[in-house]
Protein backbone atom coordinates (compact mmCIF):
# COMPACT_ATOMS: atom_id res chain seq x y z
CA UNK A 1 -109.10 52.11 -54.84
CA UNK A 2 -108.96 51.77 -51.08
CA UNK A 3 -106.37 48.85 -51.34
CA UNK A 4 -104.32 50.05 -53.85
CA UNK A 5 -103.66 53.61 -51.67
CA UNK A 6 -103.42 51.19 -48.58
CA UNK A 7 -100.79 49.35 -50.10
CA UNK A 8 -98.95 52.47 -51.41
CA UNK A 9 -99.03 54.45 -48.15
CA UNK A 10 -97.81 51.34 -46.58
CA UNK A 11 -94.62 50.35 -49.44
CA UNK A 12 -93.61 53.97 -50.26
CA UNK A 13 -91.59 54.69 -47.50
CA UNK A 14 -88.01 54.98 -49.06
CA UNK A 15 -86.48 58.10 -47.08
CA UNK A 16 -87.49 60.39 -44.45
CA UNK A 17 -86.73 63.35 -46.55
CA UNK A 18 -89.23 62.03 -49.60
CA UNK A 19 -92.83 63.41 -49.60
CA UNK A 20 -95.27 61.90 -51.88
CA UNK A 21 -98.86 63.23 -53.10
CA UNK A 22 -101.63 61.00 -53.85
CA UNK A 23 -104.55 62.16 -55.96
CA UNK A 24 -107.51 59.95 -55.18
CA UNK A 25 -110.63 60.16 -57.23
CA UNK A 26 -113.63 58.74 -55.47
CA UNK A 27 -115.33 58.74 -52.17
CA UNK A 28 -112.78 60.36 -49.83
CA UNK A 29 -115.03 60.59 -46.81
CA UNK A 30 -115.72 56.64 -46.56
CA UNK A 31 -112.09 56.14 -47.16
CA UNK A 32 -111.19 58.54 -44.04
CA UNK A 33 -113.89 57.21 -42.28
CA UNK A 34 -112.79 53.50 -41.96
CA UNK A 35 -109.09 54.74 -41.19
CA UNK A 36 -109.58 56.97 -38.41
CA UNK A 37 -105.99 58.03 -37.69
CA UNK A 38 -105.01 58.64 -41.24
CA UNK A 39 -104.69 62.26 -40.71
CA UNK A 40 -101.93 61.34 -37.98
CA UNK A 41 -99.77 59.53 -40.74
CA UNK A 42 -100.37 61.92 -44.17
CA UNK A 43 -101.83 65.51 -44.89
CA UNK A 44 -105.23 65.12 -46.10
CA UNK A 45 -106.37 67.56 -49.16
CA UNK A 46 -103.45 69.75 -48.69
CA UNK A 47 -99.96 69.17 -50.19
CA UNK A 48 -97.49 69.12 -47.03
CA UNK A 49 -93.65 69.37 -47.12
CA UNK A 50 -93.12 67.55 -44.26
CA UNK A 51 -95.25 64.27 -45.16
CA UNK A 52 -97.21 62.69 -47.49
CA UNK A 53 -100.26 64.02 -48.99
CA UNK A 54 -103.69 62.55 -49.81
CA UNK A 55 -105.68 64.74 -51.86
CA UNK A 56 -109.39 63.42 -52.51
CA UNK A 57 -111.24 64.67 -55.81
CA UNK A 58 -114.92 64.24 -56.25
CA UNK A 59 -114.62 64.42 -59.68
CA UNK A 60 -114.47 61.56 -61.90
CA UNK A 61 -110.79 60.58 -63.00
CA UNK A 62 -112.05 60.28 -66.21
CA UNK A 63 -114.01 63.53 -66.58
CA UNK A 64 -111.00 65.60 -67.98
CA UNK A 65 -109.31 63.79 -71.35
CA UNK A 66 -106.07 65.37 -70.38
CA UNK A 67 -106.01 64.18 -66.79
CA UNK A 68 -107.39 60.55 -67.62
CA UNK A 69 -104.26 60.41 -70.13
CA UNK A 70 -101.73 61.02 -67.57
CA UNK A 71 -103.32 59.17 -64.98
CA UNK A 72 -103.79 56.19 -67.08
CA UNK A 73 -99.89 56.56 -67.64
CA UNK A 74 -99.41 57.02 -64.11
CA UNK A 75 -101.42 53.79 -63.09
CA UNK A 76 -99.38 51.96 -65.46
CA UNK A 77 -96.23 52.88 -63.96
CA UNK A 78 -97.71 52.04 -60.29
CA UNK A 79 -98.62 48.59 -61.30
CA UNK A 80 -95.07 47.95 -63.05
CA UNK A 81 -93.64 49.11 -60.12
CA UNK A 82 -95.52 47.02 -57.59
CA UNK A 83 -94.99 43.78 -60.08
CA UNK A 84 -91.40 44.63 -59.73
CA UNK A 85 -91.45 44.81 -56.07
CA UNK A 86 -92.92 41.65 -55.56
CA UNK A 87 -90.85 39.91 -57.87
CA UNK A 88 -87.93 41.40 -55.69
CA UNK A 89 -89.51 40.15 -52.78
CA UNK A 90 -90.34 36.69 -54.14
CA UNK A 91 -86.21 36.72 -54.99
CA UNK A 92 -85.06 37.60 -51.54
CA UNK A 93 -87.37 34.89 -50.13
CA UNK A 94 -85.45 32.14 -52.08
CA UNK A 95 -81.92 33.11 -50.80
């Protein structure tokens, strides 16, 4: 989870007008402790219209069947996008 969120926050910068909201299930306290300036970069636990937001949930991601299905779909899409980005970067490096 930590590495995926780190990577998403680094790579998902397409436009200054874009503001993404990430929902993270797990130990948000530990994640934030190890990234002391995170709150300067994103809004924590509150959706913002000025910058990206990271909302931490104490519940397990699969505790709600409907939510876990939508999260699985989003995770699958996210991995597909990361694969496409990696292929794009590799192709650009071969020019």
